[in-house]
Amino acid sequence: MADSEFPSYQSDHDNENLRTRFSWFLSGASLIVSVPALILMTAHVGFAGLASESGVTVVEAMFMVAMIWALPANIVLIGAIGGGYSMLGAAVAVALSSIRFVPMVAAFVPEMRGPKTRKIVLLFLSHFIAVTAWVLGMEHLRNVPVKMRASYFAGLGITLTTANTLVVGLVYFLSTDFPPLVFAALFFLTPMYFLASLWGSARDRTVHVAMVSGLLLFPLIHYFAPAYDLLLTGLAGGAVTVAYLRWTKARGRAA
């Protein structure tokens, strides 16, 4: 009798666990109506106009959003296509523009990992870590049970990516009815929001130092080396931040 009842109990337990995970998935997906997500969608409206003007097809534009899932990298790729870069050159340019995600993923994955979360799941979900998902995730994951965090972020990341891919596809066909100035204004909202969000979510002053140094150094570096301005600004801003961190540690030891 015990042997016949155990599978039934286990099945009920698994079904309940599945329902719980799905409810957390839906909770993460509900953040699509948040201010950060809506701002990101307006930026992709601008991207759709840029893709249309650049001669990129709607299928190519949607594929770029879904597979690269980083708006600046998509802009870099369109610029590389327009500039006649080779496939290797375009790939390197996109990779360099996305290096900033490495520390973000390294900081976010431990927050998302549950006691039984498989590595393949974490690897898959890492694809959806971009600035908006990272900011929303870091803000809300602390209120989610540890074992449900992967399901929660799956709902957030997959829904964000799918929604913005569809937005690009829809707006692409309507782009001829929008003035270019409207696309430019919508596209400009995202970097302004990113700056405000990253500044507000910073957990220590070193992040502020990195942001300020990058903003101040970029115009100068762009003037002397416009082809490598982003890369060199990142290196210079990182060097300034490391110097500041060492200075604060030395001052702390001296005190």
Protein backbone atom coordinates (compact mmCIF):
# COMPACT_ATOMS: atom_id res chain seq x y z
CA MET A 1 0.00 0.00 0.00
CA ALA A 2 2.81 2.38 0.91
CA ASP A 3 4.54 1.76 -2.40
CA SER A 4 1.40 2.53 -4.35
CA GLU A 5 0.69 5.76 -2.46
CA PHE A 6 4.19 7.27 -2.60
CA PRO A 7 4.19 8.08 -6.37
CA SER A 8 0.85 9.84 -5.97
CA TYR A 9 2.19 11.99 -3.13
CA GLN A 10 5.34 12.78 -5.10
CA SER A 11 3.30 13.71 -8.16
CA ASP A 12 1.09 16.06 -6.14
CA HIS A 13 4.17 17.67 -4.61
CA ASP A 14 5.79 18.16 -8.02
CA ASN A 15 2.60 19.66 -9.45
CA GLU A 16 2.34 22.10 -6.56
CA ASN A 17 5.99 23.08 -6.99
CA LEU A 18 5.43 23.61 -10.72
CA ARG A 19 2.42 25.85 -10.03
CA THR A 20 4.47 27.86 -7.54
CA ARG A 21 7.31 28.34 -10.00
CA PHE A 22 4.87 29.40 -12.70
CA SER A 23 3.29 31.97 -10.39
CA TRP A 24 6.74 33.47 -9.72
CA PHE A 25 7.41 33.41 -13.47
CA LEU A 26 4.25 35.45 -13.99
CA SER A 27 5.27 37.83 -11.20
CA GLY A 28 8.53 38.51 -13.01
CA ALA A 29 6.69 38.91 -16.32
CA SER A 30 4.36 41.49 -14.74
CA LEU A 31 7.28 43.94 -14.53
CA ILE A 32 6.76 44.56 -18.23
CA VAL A 33 4.37 47.33 -17.16
CA SER A 34 7.01 49.06 -15.01
CA VAL A 35 8.55 52.42 -15.89
CA PRO A 36 12.00 50.96 -16.79
CA ALA A 37 10.46 48.42 -19.15
CA LEU A 38 8.27 51.02 -20.85
CA ILE A 39 11.25 53.34 -21.33
CA LEU A 40 13.21 50.48 -22.87
CA MET A 41 10.36 49.83 -25.29
CA THR A 42 10.30 53.50 -26.34
CA ALA A 43 14.02 53.24 -27.06
CA HIS A 44 13.37 50.22 -29.26
CA VAL A 45 10.83 52.30 -31.14
CA GLY A 46 13.75 54.56 -32.01
CA PHE A 47 15.88 51.57 -32.91
CA ALA A 48 13.21 50.30 -35.30
CA GLY A 49 13.33 53.63 -37.13
CA LEU A 50 17.13 53.51 -37.30
CA ALA A 51 17.05 49.95 -38.64
CA SER A 52 14.52 50.91 -41.31
CA GLU A 53 16.55 53.95 -42.39
CA SER A 54 19.75 51.89 -42.51
CA GLY A 55 18.32 49.30 -44.88
CA VAL A 56 18.17 46.47 -42.34
CA THR A 57 15.17 44.23 -42.97
CA VAL A 58 12.48 43.72 -40.33
CA VAL A 59 13.51 40.08 -39.86
CA GLU A 60 17.14 41.09 -39.37
CA ALA A 61 16.19 43.84 -36.92
CA MET A 62 14.02 41.51 -34.83
CA PHE A 63 16.70 38.82 -34.89
CA MET A 64 19.27 41.35 -33.64
CA VAL A 65 17.06 42.35 -30.72
CA ALA A 66 16.31 38.78 -29.69
CA MET A 67 19.81 37.34 -30.10
CA ILE A 68 22.08 40.22 -29.10
CA TRP A 69 19.68 41.75 -26.56
CA ALA A 70 21.75 44.86 -25.97
CA LEU A 71 20.58 48.07 -27.60
CA PRO A 72 24.01 49.75 -27.82
CA ALA A 73 25.46 46.59 -29.39
CA ASN A 74 22.66 46.61 -31.96
CA ILE A 75 23.51 50.23 -32.81
CA VAL A 76 27.17 49.29 -33.14
CA LEU A 77 26.24 46.42 -35.46
CA ILE A 78 24.15 48.66 -37.69
CA GLY A 79 27.02 51.14 -37.80
CA ALA A 80 29.41 48.34 -38.73
CA ILE A 81 27.10 47.17 -41.50
CA GLY A 82 26.78 50.71 -42.83
CA GLY A 83 30.53 51.20 -42.62
CA GLY A 84 31.24 48.11 -44.68
CA TYR A 85 33.00 46.18 -41.90
CA SER A 86 33.84 42.53 -42.44
CA MET A 87 31.88 39.94 -40.48
CA LEU A 88 34.83 39.46 -38.14
CA GLY A 89 35.21 43.20 -37.62
CA ALA A 90 31.51 43.60 -36.86
CA ALA A 91 31.61 40.67 -34.42
CA VAL A 92 34.60 42.16 -32.59
CA ALA A 93 32.92 45.57 -32.40
CA VAL A 94 29.73 44.06 -30.92
CA ALA A 95 31.73 41.92 -28.48
CA LEU A 96 33.75 44.91 -27.25
CA SER A 97 30.60 46.98 -26.74
CA SER A 98 29.12 44.17 -24.62
CA ILE A 99 32.11 43.50 -22.38
CA ARG A 100 30.44 45.69 -19.75
CA PHE A 101 27.99 42.82 -19.12
CA VAL A 102 30.71 40.53 -17.74
CA PRO A 103 30.83 42.12 -14.26
CA MET A 104 27.06 42.54 -14.31
CA VAL A 105 26.55 38.82 -14.95
CA ALA A 106 29.17 37.94 -12.34
CA ALA A 107 27.32 40.03 -9.75
CA PHE A 108 23.81 38.96 -10.76
CA VAL A 109 24.08 35.19 -11.16
CA PRO A 110 24.92 34.52 -7.47
CA GLU A 111 21.83 36.55 -6.53
CA MET A 112 19.70 34.45 -8.87
CA ARG A 113 21.15 31.02 -8.12
CA GLY A 114 19.02 28.74 -5.96
CA PRO A 115 20.21 25.68 -4.03
CA LYS A 116 19.17 23.34 -6.86
CA THR A 117 19.43 25.64 -9.90
CA ARG A 118 21.25 23.86 -12.69
CA LYS A 119 24.17 25.51 -14.46
CA ILE A 120 22.52 25.12 -17.86
CA VAL A 121 19.56 27.14 -16.59
CA LEU A 122 21.83 29.89 -15.29
CA LEU A 123 23.70 29.93 -18.60
CA PHE A 124 20.44 30.28 -20.52
CA LEU A 125 19.11 33.04 -18.26
CA SER A 126 22.40 34.94 -18.46
CA HIS A 127 21.48 35.81 -22.04
CA PHE A 128 18.69 38.06 -20.75
CA ILE A 129 20.88 40.07 -18.37
CA ALA A 130 21.01 43.60 -19.77
CA VAL A 131 20.86 46.95 -18.01
CA THR A 132 17.08 47.14 -17.56
CA ALA A 133 16.74 43.50 -16.50
CA TRP A 134 19.75 43.88 -14.22
CA VAL A 135 18.38 46.99 -12.50
CA LEU A 136 14.92 45.49 -12.05
CA GLY A 137 16.33 42.16 -10.94
CA MET A 138 18.70 43.61 -8.35
CA GLU A 139 15.85 45.69 -7.00
CA HIS A 140 13.24 42.91 -6.73
CA LEU A 141 15.12 39.61 -6.29
CA ARG A 142 15.77 40.31 -2.62
CA ASN A 143 12.02 39.96 -2.04
CA VAL A 144 11.80 36.61 -3.87
CA PRO A 145 12.46 33.23 -2.19
CA VAL A 146 15.91 31.98 -3.18
CA LYS A 147 14.66 28.78 -4.81
CA MET A 148 12.18 30.77 -6.93
CA ARG A 149 14.54 33.49 -8.16
CA ALA A 150 15.48 31.72 -11.39
CA SER A 151 11.78 31.36 -12.29
CA TYR A 152 11.14 34.99 -11.40
CA PHE A 153 13.99 36.29 -13.55
CA ALA A 154 13.01 33.95 -16.38
CA GLY A 155 9.61 35.66 -16.46
CA LEU A 156 11.23 39.09 -16.40
CA GLY A 157 13.96 38.46 -18.96
CA ILE A 158 11.99 36.41 -21.48
CA THR A 159 9.04 38.80 -21.39
CA LEU A 160 11.24 41.88 -21.81
CA THR A 161 13.07 40.35 -24.77
CA THR A 162 9.92 39.08 -26.47
CA ALA A 163 8.01 42.34 -26.00
CA ASN A 164 10.80 44.50 -27.40
CA THR A 165 11.34 42.16 -30.34
CA LEU A 166 7.66 42.49 -31.21
CA VAL A 167 7.77 46.27 -30.74
CA VAL A 168 10.59 46.53 -33.27
CA GLY A 169 8.68 44.38 -35.75
CA LEU A 170 5.50 46.44 -35.38
CA VAL A 171 7.11 49.88 -35.48
CA TYR A 172 9.33 48.95 -38.42
CA PHE A 173 6.31 48.93 -40.73
CA LEU A 174 5.03 52.22 -39.27
CA SER A 175 8.37 54.01 -39.34
CA THR A 176 7.59 55.97 -42.50
CA ASP A 177 4.84 57.80 -40.59
CA PHE A 178 7.20 59.01 -37.82
CA PRO A 179 9.46 62.07 -38.15
CA PRO A 180 13.16 61.25 -37.59
CA LEU A 181 13.23 63.70 -34.67
CA VAL A 182 10.68 61.58 -32.80
CA PHE A 183 12.82 58.45 -33.19
CA ALA A 184 15.89 60.35 -31.99
CA ALA A 185 14.06 61.68 -28.91
CA LEU A 186 12.69 58.26 -27.97
CA PHE A 187 16.08 56.66 -28.45
CA PHE A 188 17.69 59.28 -26.21
CA LEU A 189 15.43 58.37 -23.27
CA THR A 190 17.18 55.08 -22.60
CA PRO A 191 20.74 56.29 -21.92
CA MET A 192 19.35 59.01 -19.67
CA TYR A 193 17.32 56.46 -17.74
CA PHE A 194 20.26 54.06 -17.55
CA LEU A 195 22.46 56.76 -16.03
CA ALA A 196 19.84 57.65 -13.43
CA SER A 197 19.11 54.01 -12.58
CA LEU A 198 22.73 52.95 -12.27
CA TRP A 199 23.51 56.01 -10.16
CA GLY A 200 20.59 55.34 -7.84
CA SER A 201 21.20 51.59 -7.54
CA ALA A 202 24.93 51.95 -6.82
CA ARG A 203 25.89 50.27 -3.56
CA ASP A 204 29.14 52.18 -3.02
CA ARG A 205 30.87 55.37 -4.16
CA THR A 206 33.22 53.62 -6.59
CA VAL A 207 30.34 53.20 -9.05
CA HIS A 208 29.72 56.95 -8.94
CA VAL A 209 33.42 57.61 -9.52
CA ALA A 210 33.42 55.29 -12.54
CA MET A 211 30.35 56.96 -14.05
CA VAL A 212 31.57 60.53 -13.51
CA SER A 213 35.07 59.78 -14.81
CA GLY A 214 33.63 58.12 -17.92
CA LEU A 215 31.29 61.03 -18.64
CA LEU A 216 34.08 63.57 -18.23
CA LEU A 217 36.71 61.66 -20.18
CA PHE A 218 34.56 60.59 -23.13
CA PRO A 219 34.43 63.95 -25.00
CA LEU A 220 38.21 64.33 -24.82
CA ILE A 221 38.89 60.75 -25.89
CA HIS A 222 36.33 60.97 -28.69
CA TYR A 223 38.09 64.08 -30.02
CA PHE A 224 41.46 62.33 -30.29
CA ALA A 225 40.37 58.74 -31.07
CA PRO A 226 36.75 58.62 -32.32
CA ALA A 227 37.12 55.08 -33.65
CA TYR A 228 38.06 53.69 -30.23
CA ASP A 229 36.33 56.15 -27.91
CA LEU A 230 34.11 53.66 -26.04
CA LEU A 231 36.89 51.16 -25.45
CA LEU A 232 39.43 53.76 -24.35
CA THR A 233 36.90 55.55 -22.16
CA GLY A 234 36.11 52.28 -20.40
CA LEU A 235 39.79 51.59 -19.81
CA ALA A 236 40.50 55.13 -18.60
CA GLY A 237 37.41 55.27 -16.38
CA GLY A 238 38.27 51.88 -14.93
CA ALA A 239 41.83 53.03 -14.20
CA VAL A 240 40.54 56.13 -12.43
CA THR A 241 38.16 54.00 -10.36
CA VAL A 242 40.89 51.53 -9.38
CA ALA A 243 43.13 54.44 -8.37
CA TYR A 244 40.32 55.90 -6.28
CA LEU A 245 39.66 52.55 -4.61
CA ARG A 246 43.32 52.10 -3.71
CA TRP A 247 43.47 55.67 -2.40
CA THR A 248 40.47 55.15 -0.12
CA LYS A 249 41.92 51.89 1.20
CA ALA A 250 45.28 53.53 1.89
CA ARG A 251 43.60 56.42 3.65
CA GLY A 252 41.58 53.97 5.74
CA ARG A 253 44.71 52.12 6.83
CA ALA A 254 46.47 55.39 7.66
CA ALA A 255 43.54 56.50 9.80
